Amino acid sequence: MAGRPREFDRDQALRKARDVFWQRGFESTSMSDLVEALGIASARIYAAFGSKEALFREAIELYESGDGAFADAALNEEPSARTAIARMLGEAVELYTQPDRPQGCMVVSSATNCSLDNDGIREWLAEHRRSRTRSIIERLEQAVDSGELPGHTDVRSLGDCYATILHGLSVQARDGIGRSRLLATIPLAMSAFDAAARDRA
């Protein structure tokens, strides 16, 4: 008589799946990879999460509400835009270079290129990245409203600059650039903000 399937912790399984997707990306992660990492049969994975895509989307939500929540926290909690952006970049480096986690940002690295079959996932993640860019621009707009930046500041270009740097830090970390080198780029990045703040003409 066959024994009952052993119980599994769904939250723990989701965390394991997150790390597999974070390391390998959506398209390169196979069901056999997930079976090995989660330690449960594919049928139980489908029963618990519905599909590989549904599991991936849930894993991204877990990342964004946990490790990846640093950017929203920095932008919302700091009293000035300058300290918010500097904190965001610094905490990005800390996260992206943790030795016990996959390197880089899960949202940036999981699906920059996909086959046509997975184009919906690629676009979904692209919208997540565009949303981050918008949140940076909105924080800079607040800085203009408060007088931290002059009224004529090109907040869209400055926001695009910091989004590019943020996402670039992920790529550099993924390529093995160390924490100290990445942290050393932040004062240079903040010089763009300082230049904008000084330009009162």
N, C-alpha and C. Protein backbone atom coordinates (compact mmCIF):
# COMPACT_ATOMS: atom_id res chain seq x y z
N MET A 1 0.86 -1.20 0.00
CA MET A 1 0.00 0.00 0.00
C MET A 1 0.89 1.25 0.00
N ALA A 2 0.63 2.15 -0.91
CA ALA A 2 1.45 3.35 -1.01
C ALA A 2 1.21 4.26 0.17
N GLY A 3 2.27 4.89 0.64
CA GLY A 3 2.14 5.82 1.75
C GLY A 3 1.57 7.15 1.28
N ARG A 4 1.10 7.91 2.22
CA ARG A 4 0.58 9.23 1.89
C ARG A 4 1.72 10.15 1.49
N PRO A 5 1.52 11.03 0.51
CA PRO A 5 2.56 11.99 0.16
C PRO A 5 2.92 12.85 1.38
N ARG A 6 4.20 13.08 1.54
CA ARG A 6 4.60 13.86 2.71
C ARG A 6 4.15 15.31 2.53
N GLU A 7 3.80 15.92 3.65
CA GLU A 7 3.35 17.30 3.62
C GLU A 7 4.53 18.22 3.28
N PHE A 8 4.23 19.37 2.71
CA PHE A 8 5.30 20.33 2.47
C PHE A 8 4.81 21.72 2.85
N ASP A 9 5.76 22.56 3.18
CA ASP A 9 5.48 23.93 3.57
C ASP A 9 5.41 24.78 2.30
N ARG A 10 4.23 25.27 1.97
CA ARG A 10 4.06 26.02 0.73
C ARG A 10 4.93 27.27 0.71
N ASP A 11 4.99 27.98 1.83
CA ASP A 11 5.80 29.19 1.89
C ASP A 11 7.28 28.88 1.68
N GLN A 12 7.73 27.81 2.29
CA GLN A 12 9.13 27.42 2.11
C GLN A 12 9.39 27.02 0.66
N ALA A 13 8.45 26.30 0.07
CA ALA A 13 8.58 25.91 -1.33
C ALA A 13 8.65 27.13 -2.23
N LEU A 14 7.84 28.14 -1.93
CA LEU A 14 7.84 29.36 -2.73
C LEU A 14 9.18 30.08 -2.61
N ARG A 15 9.74 30.12 -1.41
CA ARG A 15 11.05 30.76 -1.22
C ARG A 15 12.13 30.03 -2.03
N LYS A 16 12.07 28.71 -2.04
CA LYS A 16 13.04 27.94 -2.81
C LYS A 16 12.88 28.19 -4.30
N ALA A 17 11.63 28.25 -4.75
CA ALA A 17 11.37 28.54 -6.17
C ALA A 17 11.86 29.94 -6.53
N ARG A 18 11.63 30.89 -5.65
CA ARG A 18 12.13 32.25 -5.89
C ARG A 18 13.62 32.24 -6.16
N ASP A 19 14.37 31.53 -5.35
CA ASP A 19 15.82 31.53 -5.49
C ASP A 19 16.27 30.84 -6.77
N VAL A 20 15.53 29.82 -7.20
CA VAL A 20 15.87 29.16 -8.46
C VAL A 20 15.62 30.12 -9.63
N PHE A 21 14.47 30.75 -9.65
CA PHE A 21 14.17 31.71 -10.71
C PHE A 21 15.13 32.90 -10.67
N TRP A 22 15.47 33.35 -9.48
CA TRP A 22 16.38 34.47 -9.30
C TRP A 22 17.74 34.13 -9.91
N GLN A 23 18.19 32.91 -9.69
CA GLN A 23 19.49 32.49 -10.19
C GLN A 23 19.48 32.20 -11.69
N ARG A 24 18.45 31.51 -12.17
CA ARG A 24 18.46 31.00 -13.54
C ARG A 24 17.56 31.75 -14.50
N GLY A 25 16.66 32.55 -13.98
CA GLY A 25 15.71 33.23 -14.85
C GLY A 25 14.50 32.35 -15.12
N PHE A 26 13.48 32.95 -15.72
CA PHE A 26 12.23 32.22 -15.95
C PHE A 26 12.38 31.14 -17.00
N GLU A 27 12.86 31.53 -18.17
CA GLU A 27 12.86 30.59 -19.28
C GLU A 27 13.86 29.46 -19.09
N SER A 28 14.98 29.74 -18.44
CA SER A 28 16.02 28.71 -18.26
C SER A 28 15.72 27.76 -17.11
N THR A 29 14.73 28.06 -16.32
CA THR A 29 14.35 27.17 -15.21
C THR A 29 13.34 26.15 -15.72
N SER A 30 13.69 24.89 -15.60
CA SER A 30 12.81 23.81 -16.05
C SER A 30 12.01 23.28 -14.87
N MET A 31 10.99 22.53 -15.18
CA MET A 31 10.22 21.89 -14.10
C MET A 31 11.09 20.92 -13.33
N SER A 32 12.03 20.26 -14.01
CA SER A 32 12.92 19.35 -13.28
C SER A 32 13.80 20.11 -12.31
N ASP A 33 14.20 21.34 -12.67
CA ASP A 33 14.96 22.19 -11.73
C ASP A 33 14.12 22.50 -10.49
N LEU A 34 12.85 22.80 -10.71
CA LEU A 34 11.96 23.13 -9.60
C LEU A 34 11.68 21.90 -8.74
N VAL A 35 11.48 20.76 -9.39
CA VAL A 35 11.26 19.52 -8.63
C VAL A 35 12.44 19.24 -7.73
N GLU A 36 13.65 19.40 -8.27
CA GLU A 36 14.86 19.14 -7.48
C GLU A 36 14.99 20.12 -6.32
N ALA A 37 14.74 21.40 -6.59
CA ALA A 37 14.92 22.43 -5.56
C ALA A 37 13.85 22.34 -4.48
N LEU A 38 12.61 22.08 -4.88
CA LEU A 38 11.51 22.07 -3.92
C LEU A 38 11.38 20.72 -3.22
N GLY A 39 11.91 19.67 -3.85
CA GLY A 39 11.84 18.35 -3.25
C GLY A 39 10.47 17.72 -3.29
N ILE A 40 9.65 18.14 -4.26
CA ILE A 40 8.30 17.57 -4.42
C ILE A 40 8.06 17.29 -5.89
N ALA A 41 7.12 16.41 -6.18
CA ALA A 41 6.84 16.02 -7.55
C ALA A 41 6.20 17.17 -8.33
N SER A 42 6.37 17.12 -9.64
CA SER A 42 5.83 18.19 -10.48
C SER A 42 4.31 18.29 -10.34
N ALA A 43 3.64 17.15 -10.16
CA ALA A 43 2.19 17.18 -10.01
C ALA A 43 1.78 17.98 -8.79
N ARG A 44 2.56 17.89 -7.73
CA ARG A 44 2.23 18.64 -6.51
C ARG A 44 2.56 20.12 -6.67
N ILE A 45 3.58 20.41 -7.45
CA ILE A 45 3.90 21.81 -7.74
C ILE A 45 2.74 22.45 -8.51
N TYR A 46 2.26 21.75 -9.54
CA TYR A 46 1.12 22.26 -10.32
C TYR A 46 -0.12 22.40 -9.43
N ALA A 47 -0.33 21.43 -8.55
CA ALA A 47 -1.51 21.48 -7.67
C ALA A 47 -1.44 22.66 -6.72
N ALA A 48 -0.23 22.95 -6.24
CA ALA A 48 -0.07 24.01 -5.25
C ALA A 48 -0.04 25.40 -5.87
N PHE A 49 0.55 25.51 -7.09
CA PHE A 49 0.78 26.84 -7.66
C PHE A 49 0.11 27.07 -9.01
N GLY A 50 -0.40 26.02 -9.63
CA GLY A 50 -1.14 26.18 -10.87
C GLY A 50 -0.35 25.96 -12.13
N SER A 51 0.80 26.63 -12.26
CA SER A 51 1.64 26.49 -13.45
C SER A 51 3.01 27.07 -13.13
N LYS A 52 3.95 26.83 -14.00
CA LYS A 52 5.28 27.42 -13.83
C LYS A 52 5.19 28.94 -13.86
N GLU A 53 4.40 29.48 -14.79
CA GLU A 53 4.27 30.93 -14.88
C GLU A 53 3.62 31.51 -13.63
N ALA A 54 2.58 30.86 -13.14
CA ALA A 54 1.92 31.34 -11.91
C ALA A 54 2.87 31.29 -10.74
N LEU A 55 3.68 30.24 -10.66
CA LEU A 55 4.67 30.13 -9.59
C LEU A 55 5.70 31.24 -9.71
N PHE A 56 6.13 31.52 -10.92
CA PHE A 56 7.11 32.59 -11.14
C PHE A 56 6.54 33.94 -10.73
N ARG A 57 5.34 34.23 -11.13
CA ARG A 57 4.73 35.52 -10.78
C ARG A 57 4.61 35.66 -9.26
N GLU A 58 4.26 34.56 -8.60
CA GLU A 58 4.15 34.60 -7.14
C GLU A 58 5.54 34.77 -6.52
N ALA A 59 6.54 34.16 -7.13
CA ALA A 59 7.91 34.31 -6.62
C ALA A 59 8.39 35.75 -6.77
N ILE A 60 8.04 36.40 -7.87
CA ILE A 60 8.40 37.81 -8.05
C ILE A 60 7.71 38.67 -7.00
N GLU A 61 6.45 38.39 -6.73
CA GLU A 61 5.72 39.14 -5.70
C GLU A 61 6.37 38.95 -4.34
N LEU A 62 6.84 37.74 -4.05
CA LEU A 62 7.54 37.48 -2.80
C LEU A 62 8.83 38.30 -2.74
N TYR A 63 9.56 38.32 -3.83
CA TYR A 63 10.80 39.10 -3.89
C TYR A 63 10.52 40.58 -3.67
N GLU A 64 9.52 41.10 -4.35
CA GLU A 64 9.26 42.53 -4.28
C GLU A 64 8.70 42.97 -2.93
N SER A 65 8.05 42.05 -2.22
CA SER A 65 7.53 42.39 -0.89
C SER A 65 8.56 42.14 0.21
N GLY A 66 9.66 41.46 -0.15
CA GLY A 66 10.70 41.15 0.83
C GLY A 66 12.00 41.82 0.47
N ASP A 67 12.93 41.04 -0.09
CA ASP A 67 14.25 41.58 -0.43
C ASP A 67 14.16 42.81 -1.33
N GLY A 68 13.28 42.76 -2.31
CA GLY A 68 13.21 43.82 -3.29
C GLY A 68 12.45 45.05 -2.85
N ALA A 69 11.97 45.09 -1.61
CA ALA A 69 11.18 46.23 -1.14
C ALA A 69 12.05 47.41 -0.71
N PHE A 70 13.36 47.24 -0.79
CA PHE A 70 14.26 48.29 -0.28
C PHE A 70 14.08 49.62 -1.01
N ALA A 71 13.81 49.58 -2.31
CA ALA A 71 13.73 50.83 -3.07
C ALA A 71 12.52 51.65 -2.65
N ASP A 72 11.37 51.02 -2.54
CA ASP A 72 10.18 51.75 -2.08
C ASP A 72 10.39 52.30 -0.68
N ALA A 73 11.02 51.52 0.18
CA ALA A 73 11.25 51.98 1.56
C ALA A 73 12.14 53.22 1.55
N ALA A 74 13.21 53.18 0.77
CA ALA A 74 14.12 54.33 0.73
C ALA A 74 13.42 55.56 0.17
N LEU A 75 12.69 55.40 -0.93
CA LEU A 75 12.06 56.55 -1.57
C LEU A 75 10.95 57.14 -0.71
N ASN A 76 10.30 56.32 0.10
CA ASN A 76 9.17 56.79 0.90
C ASN A 76 9.55 57.25 2.29
N GLU A 77 10.64 56.74 2.83
CA GLU A 77 10.97 57.01 4.23
C GLU A 77 11.95 58.15 4.45
N GLU A 78 12.82 58.39 3.49
CA GLU A 78 13.85 59.41 3.70
C GLU A 78 13.28 60.82 3.54
N PRO A 79 13.76 61.76 4.36
CA PRO A 79 13.20 63.12 4.32
C PRO A 79 13.58 63.92 3.08
N SER A 80 14.67 63.56 2.43
CA SER A 80 15.08 64.29 1.23
C SER A 80 15.27 63.31 0.08
N ALA A 81 15.12 63.82 -1.13
CA ALA A 81 15.29 62.97 -2.30
C ALA A 81 16.73 62.50 -2.42
N ARG A 82 17.66 63.36 -2.07
CA ARG A 82 19.07 62.96 -2.19
C ARG A 82 19.39 61.77 -1.29
N THR A 83 19.00 61.86 -0.03
CA THR A 83 19.28 60.74 0.87
C THR A 83 18.49 59.50 0.46
N ALA A 84 17.28 59.70 -0.09
CA ALA A 84 16.48 58.56 -0.54
C ALA A 84 17.17 57.81 -1.67
N ILE A 85 17.67 58.55 -2.65
CA ILE A 85 18.30 57.90 -3.80
C ILE A 85 19.62 57.27 -3.40
N ALA A 86 20.42 57.98 -2.58
CA ALA A 86 21.68 57.40 -2.13
C ALA A 86 21.44 56.13 -1.33
N ARG A 87 20.43 56.14 -0.47
CA ARG A 87 20.09 54.93 0.29
C ARG A 87 19.63 53.82 -0.64
N MET A 88 18.80 54.15 -1.60
CA MET A 88 18.31 53.14 -2.54
C MET A 88 19.47 52.46 -3.26
N LEU A 89 20.40 53.24 -3.75
CA LEU A 89 21.53 52.67 -4.47
C LEU A 89 22.42 51.85 -3.55
N GLY A 90 22.67 52.36 -2.35
CA GLY A 90 23.50 51.62 -1.41
C GLY A 90 22.89 50.30 -1.01
N GLU A 91 21.60 50.31 -0.73
CA GLU A 91 20.93 49.07 -0.33
C GLU A 91 20.81 48.10 -1.51
N ALA A 92 20.74 48.64 -2.73
CA ALA A 92 20.75 47.77 -3.91
C ALA A 92 22.06 47.00 -3.97
N VAL A 93 23.16 47.70 -3.78
CA VAL A 93 24.46 47.03 -3.81
C VAL A 93 24.54 45.96 -2.73
N GLU A 94 24.07 46.29 -1.53
CA GLU A 94 24.11 45.31 -0.43
C GLU A 94 23.33 44.06 -0.79
N LEU A 95 22.13 44.24 -1.35
CA LEU A 95 21.30 43.09 -1.71
C LEU A 95 21.90 42.31 -2.87
N TYR A 96 22.33 43.02 -3.89
CA TYR A 96 22.77 42.37 -5.12
C TYR A 96 24.07 41.59 -4.95
N THR A 97 24.80 41.86 -3.87
CA THR A 97 26.10 41.20 -3.67
C THR A 97 26.11 40.29 -2.44
N GLN A 98 24.94 39.95 -1.93
CA GLN A 98 24.92 39.05 -0.78
C GLN A 98 25.50 37.69 -1.16
N PRO A 99 26.42 37.16 -0.36
CA PRO A 99 27.06 35.89 -0.73
C PRO A 99 26.14 34.68 -0.67
N ASP A 100 25.05 34.76 0.12
CA ASP A 100 24.16 33.62 0.29
C ASP A 100 22.92 33.69 -0.59
N ARG A 101 22.89 34.62 -1.52
CA ARG A 101 21.75 34.78 -2.41
C ARG A 101 22.24 34.90 -3.85
N PRO A 102 21.37 34.67 -4.82
CA PRO A 102 21.76 34.93 -6.21
C PRO A 102 22.16 36.40 -6.37
N GLN A 103 23.07 36.67 -7.25
CA GLN A 103 23.57 38.03 -7.46
C GLN A 103 22.62 38.83 -8.33
N GLY A 104 22.58 40.13 -8.08
CA GLY A 104 21.76 41.01 -8.91
C GLY A 104 20.32 41.07 -8.47
N CYS A 105 19.52 41.77 -9.26
CA CYS A 105 18.09 41.97 -8.99
C CYS A 105 17.27 40.92 -9.73
N MET A 106 16.36 40.28 -9.04
CA MET A 106 15.54 39.24 -9.66
C MET A 106 14.70 39.79 -10.80
N VAL A 107 14.16 40.99 -10.63
CA VAL A 107 13.30 41.57 -11.66
C VAL A 107 14.10 41.95 -12.90
N VAL A 108 15.34 42.39 -12.70
CA VAL A 108 16.17 42.79 -13.83
C VAL A 108 16.68 41.57 -14.60
N SER A 109 17.09 40.54 -13.87
CA SER A 109 17.80 39.43 -14.52
C SER A 109 16.92 38.26 -14.92
N SER A 110 15.69 38.20 -14.46
CA SER A 110 14.89 36.98 -14.67
C SER A 110 14.40 36.80 -16.10
N ALA A 111 14.16 37.86 -16.82
CA ALA A 111 13.61 37.70 -18.18
C ALA A 111 13.79 38.96 -19.00
N THR A 112 15.02 39.28 -19.37
CA THR A 112 15.22 40.40 -20.28
C THR A 112 14.99 39.98 -21.73
N ASN A 113 15.23 38.70 -22.01
CA ASN A 113 14.96 38.14 -23.34
C ASN A 113 14.18 36.84 -23.16
N CYS A 114 13.15 36.68 -23.96
CA CYS A 114 12.33 35.46 -23.89
C CYS A 114 11.90 35.09 -25.30
N SER A 115 11.54 33.83 -25.48
CA SER A 115 10.92 33.41 -26.73
C SER A 115 9.54 34.05 -26.82
N LEU A 116 8.96 33.99 -28.01
CA LEU A 116 7.64 34.58 -28.20
C LEU A 116 6.61 33.95 -27.28
N ASP A 117 6.79 32.68 -26.96
CA ASP A 117 5.84 31.99 -26.08
C ASP A 117 5.79 32.63 -24.70
N ASN A 118 6.89 33.23 -24.29
CA ASN A 118 6.97 33.82 -22.95
C ASN A 118 7.06 35.35 -23.00
N ASP A 119 6.60 35.92 -24.09
CA ASP A 119 6.69 37.37 -24.24
C ASP A 119 5.87 38.11 -23.19
N GLY A 120 4.79 37.46 -22.73
CA GLY A 120 3.99 38.09 -21.69
C GLY A 120 4.76 38.29 -20.40
N ILE A 121 5.58 37.32 -20.05
CA ILE A 121 6.42 37.42 -18.85
C ILE A 121 7.45 38.53 -19.03
N ARG A 122 8.10 38.58 -20.21
CA ARG A 122 9.09 39.61 -20.46
C ARG A 122 8.48 41.00 -20.31
N GLU A 123 7.30 41.21 -20.90
CA GLU A 123 6.66 42.51 -20.83
C GLU A 123 6.19 42.83 -19.41
N TRP A 124 5.72 41.83 -18.69
CA TRP A 124 5.29 42.03 -17.31
C TRP A 124 6.44 42.52 -16.45
N LEU A 125 7.62 41.91 -16.60
CA LEU A 125 8.78 42.35 -15.84
C LEU A 125 9.27 43.72 -16.31
N ALA A 126 9.19 43.97 -17.62
CA ALA A 126 9.57 45.29 -18.13
C ALA A 126 8.70 46.38 -17.51
N GLU A 127 7.42 46.10 -17.33
CA GLU A 127 6.54 47.07 -16.70
C GLU A 127 6.91 47.28 -15.24
N HIS A 128 7.35 46.23 -14.56
CA HIS A 128 7.84 46.39 -13.19
C HIS A 128 9.03 47.34 -13.16
N ARG A 129 9.94 47.20 -14.13
CA ARG A 129 11.11 48.07 -14.16
C ARG A 129 10.71 49.50 -14.51
N ARG A 130 9.77 49.65 -15.45
CA ARG A 130 9.30 51.00 -15.78
C ARG A 130 8.62 51.65 -14.58
N SER A 131 7.92 50.85 -13.79
CA SER A 131 7.28 51.37 -12.58
C SER A 131 8.31 51.89 -11.60
N ARG A 132 9.43 51.20 -11.48
CA ARG A 132 10.50 51.70 -10.61
C ARG A 132 11.03 53.03 -11.10
N THR A 133 11.21 53.15 -12.41
CA THR A 133 11.66 54.42 -12.97
C THR A 133 10.67 55.53 -12.64
N ARG A 134 9.38 55.25 -12.78
CA ARG A 134 8.36 56.27 -12.47
C ARG A 134 8.43 56.67 -11.01
N SER A 135 8.67 55.72 -10.12
CA SER A 135 8.70 56.05 -8.69
C SER A 135 9.89 56.96 -8.37
N ILE A 136 11.01 56.78 -9.06
CA ILE A 136 12.17 57.65 -8.85
C ILE A 136 11.86 59.05 -9.36
N ILE A 137 11.25 59.14 -10.54
CA ILE A 137 10.89 60.44 -11.09
C ILE A 137 9.90 61.16 -10.18
N GLU A 138 8.93 60.43 -9.65
CA GLU A 138 7.96 61.04 -8.74
C GLU A 138 8.63 61.59 -7.49
N ARG A 139 9.65 60.88 -6.99
CA ARG A 139 10.36 61.38 -5.79
C ARG A 139 11.13 62.65 -6.13
N LEU A 140 11.68 62.72 -7.33
CA LEU A 140 12.38 63.93 -7.75
C LEU A 140 11.40 65.08 -7.97
N GLU A 141 10.21 64.79 -8.44
CA GLU A 141 9.19 65.83 -8.58
C GLU A 141 8.83 66.41 -7.22
N GLN A 142 8.77 65.55 -6.20
CA GLN A 142 8.53 66.02 -4.84
C GLN A 142 9.66 66.93 -4.38
N ALA A 143 10.90 66.60 -4.80
CA ALA A 143 12.05 67.43 -4.43
C ALA A 143 11.95 68.81 -5.06
N VAL A 144 11.41 68.88 -6.27
CA VAL A 144 11.19 70.18 -6.91
C VAL A 144 10.12 70.95 -6.14
N ASP A 145 9.05 70.27 -5.79
CA ASP A 145 7.95 70.93 -5.06
C ASP A 145 8.42 71.46 -3.71
N SER A 146 9.34 70.76 -3.06
CA SER A 146 9.81 71.18 -1.74
C SER A 146 10.94 72.20 -1.81
N GLY A 147 11.47 72.44 -2.99
CA GLY A 147 12.58 73.38 -3.14
C GLY A 147 13.94 72.74 -3.02
N GLU A 148 14.00 71.42 -2.82
CA GLU A 148 15.29 70.75 -2.75
C GLU A 148 16.00 70.81 -4.11
N LEU A 149 15.23 70.75 -5.17
CA LEU A 149 15.74 70.92 -6.52
C LEU A 149 15.07 72.13 -7.15
N PRO A 150 15.77 72.85 -8.02
CA PRO A 150 15.14 74.02 -8.66
C PRO A 150 14.01 73.62 -9.60
N GLY A 151 13.13 74.54 -9.84
CA GLY A 151 11.93 74.25 -10.61
C GLY A 151 12.19 73.82 -12.04
N HIS A 152 13.30 74.24 -12.62
CA HIS A 152 13.57 73.91 -14.02
C HIS A 152 14.30 72.57 -14.17
N THR A 153 14.49 71.83 -13.08
CA THR A 153 15.20 70.55 -13.15
C THR A 153 14.50 69.58 -14.10
N ASP A 154 15.27 68.94 -14.94
CA ASP A 154 14.73 67.92 -15.85
C ASP A 154 14.63 66.62 -15.06
N VAL A 155 13.53 66.49 -14.32
CA VAL A 155 13.40 65.35 -13.41
C VAL A 155 13.27 64.03 -14.17
N ARG A 156 12.73 64.09 -15.39
CA ARG A 156 12.61 62.83 -16.14
C ARG A 156 14.00 62.30 -16.51
N SER A 157 14.85 63.17 -17.01
CA SER A 157 16.19 62.72 -17.38
C SER A 157 16.98 62.28 -16.15
N LEU A 158 16.85 63.03 -15.05
CA LEU A 158 17.57 62.66 -13.83
C LEU A 158 17.04 61.34 -13.29
N GLY A 159 15.73 61.16 -13.35
CA GLY A 159 15.15 59.89 -12.89
C GLY A 159 15.57 58.73 -13.77
N ASP A 160 15.60 58.95 -15.09
CA ASP A 160 16.07 57.91 -16.00
C ASP A 160 17.52 57.55 -15.70
N CYS A 161 18.31 58.56 -15.36
CA CYS A 161 19.71 58.33 -15.02
C CYS A 161 19.82 57.39 -13.82
N TYR A 162 19.06 57.66 -12.76
CA TYR A 162 19.17 56.83 -11.56
C TYR A 162 18.56 55.45 -11.75
N ALA A 163 17.53 55.34 -12.57
CA ALA A 163 16.99 54.02 -12.88
C ALA A 163 18.02 53.20 -13.66
N THR A 164 18.70 53.85 -14.59
CA THR A 164 19.74 53.18 -15.36
C THR A 164 20.87 52.71 -14.45
N ILE A 165 21.26 53.56 -13.52
CA ILE A 165 22.31 53.17 -12.57
C ILE A 165 21.84 52.01 -11.69
N LEU A 166 20.61 52.11 -11.18
CA LEU A 166 20.08 51.05 -10.32
C LEU A 166 20.08 49.71 -11.05
N HIS A 167 19.57 49.69 -12.26
CA HIS A 167 19.50 48.44 -13.01
C HIS A 167 20.90 48.00 -13.46
N GLY A 168 21.76 48.96 -13.73
CA GLY A 168 23.13 48.63 -14.10
C GLY A 168 23.91 47.99 -12.96
N LEU A 169 23.62 48.40 -11.73
CA LEU A 169 24.26 47.78 -10.57
C LEU A 169 23.95 46.29 -10.52
N SER A 170 22.72 45.95 -10.91
CA SER A 170 22.33 44.53 -10.93
C SER A 170 23.16 43.76 -11.93
N VAL A 171 23.32 44.33 -13.12
CA VAL A 171 24.10 43.65 -14.16
C VAL A 171 25.55 43.49 -13.73
N GLN A 172 26.12 44.54 -13.15
CA GLN A 172 27.51 44.49 -12.70
C GLN A 172 27.69 43.45 -11.60
N ALA A 173 26.76 43.43 -10.66
CA ALA A 173 26.84 42.44 -9.58
C ALA A 173 26.73 41.03 -10.14
N ARG A 174 25.84 40.87 -11.11
CA ARG A 174 25.66 39.56 -11.74
C ARG A 174 26.94 39.12 -12.45
N ASP A 175 27.69 40.08 -12.96
CA ASP A 175 28.94 39.80 -13.67
C ASP A 175 30.13 39.62 -12.73
N GLY A 176 29.87 39.73 -11.41
CA GLY A 176 30.93 39.46 -10.44
C GLY A 176 31.68 40.67 -9.94
N ILE A 177 31.24 41.87 -10.28
CA ILE A 177 31.88 43.06 -9.73
C ILE A 177 31.58 43.13 -8.24
N GLY A 178 32.59 43.33 -7.44
CA GLY A 178 32.46 43.24 -5.99
C GLY A 178 31.74 44.42 -5.36
N ARG A 179 31.32 44.20 -4.12
CA ARG A 179 30.56 45.20 -3.37
C ARG A 179 31.30 46.52 -3.24
N SER A 180 32.58 46.48 -2.90
CA SER A 180 33.32 47.73 -2.66
C SER A 180 33.40 48.56 -3.93
N ARG A 181 33.60 47.92 -5.06
CA ARG A 181 33.65 48.67 -6.33
C ARG A 181 32.30 49.28 -6.66
N LEU A 182 31.24 48.54 -6.42
CA LEU A 182 29.91 49.08 -6.72
C LEU A 182 29.55 50.22 -5.78
N LEU A 183 29.87 50.09 -4.51
CA LEU A 183 29.60 51.17 -3.57
C LEU A 183 30.37 52.44 -3.94
N ALA A 184 31.55 52.26 -4.52
CA ALA A 184 32.37 53.41 -4.90
C ALA A 184 31.75 54.22 -6.02
N THR A 185 30.79 53.65 -6.75
CA THR A 185 30.13 54.40 -7.83
C THR A 185 29.06 55.35 -7.32
N ILE A 186 28.60 55.14 -6.09
CA ILE A 186 27.45 55.92 -5.61
C ILE A 186 27.78 57.40 -5.44
N PRO A 187 28.91 57.79 -4.83
CA PRO A 187 29.21 59.22 -4.77
C PRO A 187 29.28 59.87 -6.15
N LEU A 188 29.80 59.14 -7.14
CA LEU A 188 29.82 59.68 -8.50
C LEU A 188 28.41 59.84 -9.03
N ALA A 189 27.56 58.87 -8.75
CA ALA A 189 26.17 58.95 -9.19
C ALA A 189 25.46 60.14 -8.55
N MET A 190 25.73 60.38 -7.28
CA MET A 190 25.06 61.47 -6.58
C MET A 190 25.55 62.84 -7.01
N SER A 191 26.68 62.89 -7.70
CA SER A 191 27.16 64.19 -8.18
C SER A 191 26.20 64.78 -9.21
N ALA A 192 25.45 63.94 -9.89
CA ALA A 192 24.44 64.44 -10.84
C ALA A 192 23.33 65.18 -10.10
N PHE A 193 22.93 64.63 -8.96
CA PHE A 193 21.90 65.29 -8.15
C PHE A 193 22.45 66.63 -7.62
N ASP A 194 23.69 66.61 -7.13
CA ASP A 194 24.28 67.83 -6.57
C ASP A 194 24.41 68.91 -7.61
N ALA A 195 24.77 68.52 -8.83
CA ALA A 195 24.86 69.50 -9.91
C ALA A 195 23.50 70.11 -10.21
N ALA A 196 22.47 69.28 -10.22
CA ALA A 196 21.12 69.79 -10.47
C ALA A 196 20.67 70.72 -9.36
N ALA A 197 21.00 70.36 -8.11
CA ALA A 197 20.59 71.19 -6.97
C ALA A 197 21.29 72.55 -6.98
N ARG A 198 22.53 72.59 -7.48
CA ARG A 198 23.28 73.85 -7.50
C ARG A 198 22.85 74.76 -8.64
N ASP A 199 22.22 74.22 -9.65
CA ASP A 199 21.88 74.97 -10.85
C ASP A 199 20.60 75.78 -10.61
N ARG A 200 20.77 76.89 -9.95
CA ARG A 200 19.61 77.73 -9.59
C ARG A 200 19.37 78.85 -10.60
N ALA A 201 20.15 78.85 -11.65
CA ALA A 201 20.02 79.95 -12.63
C ALA A 201 18.70 79.84 -13.38
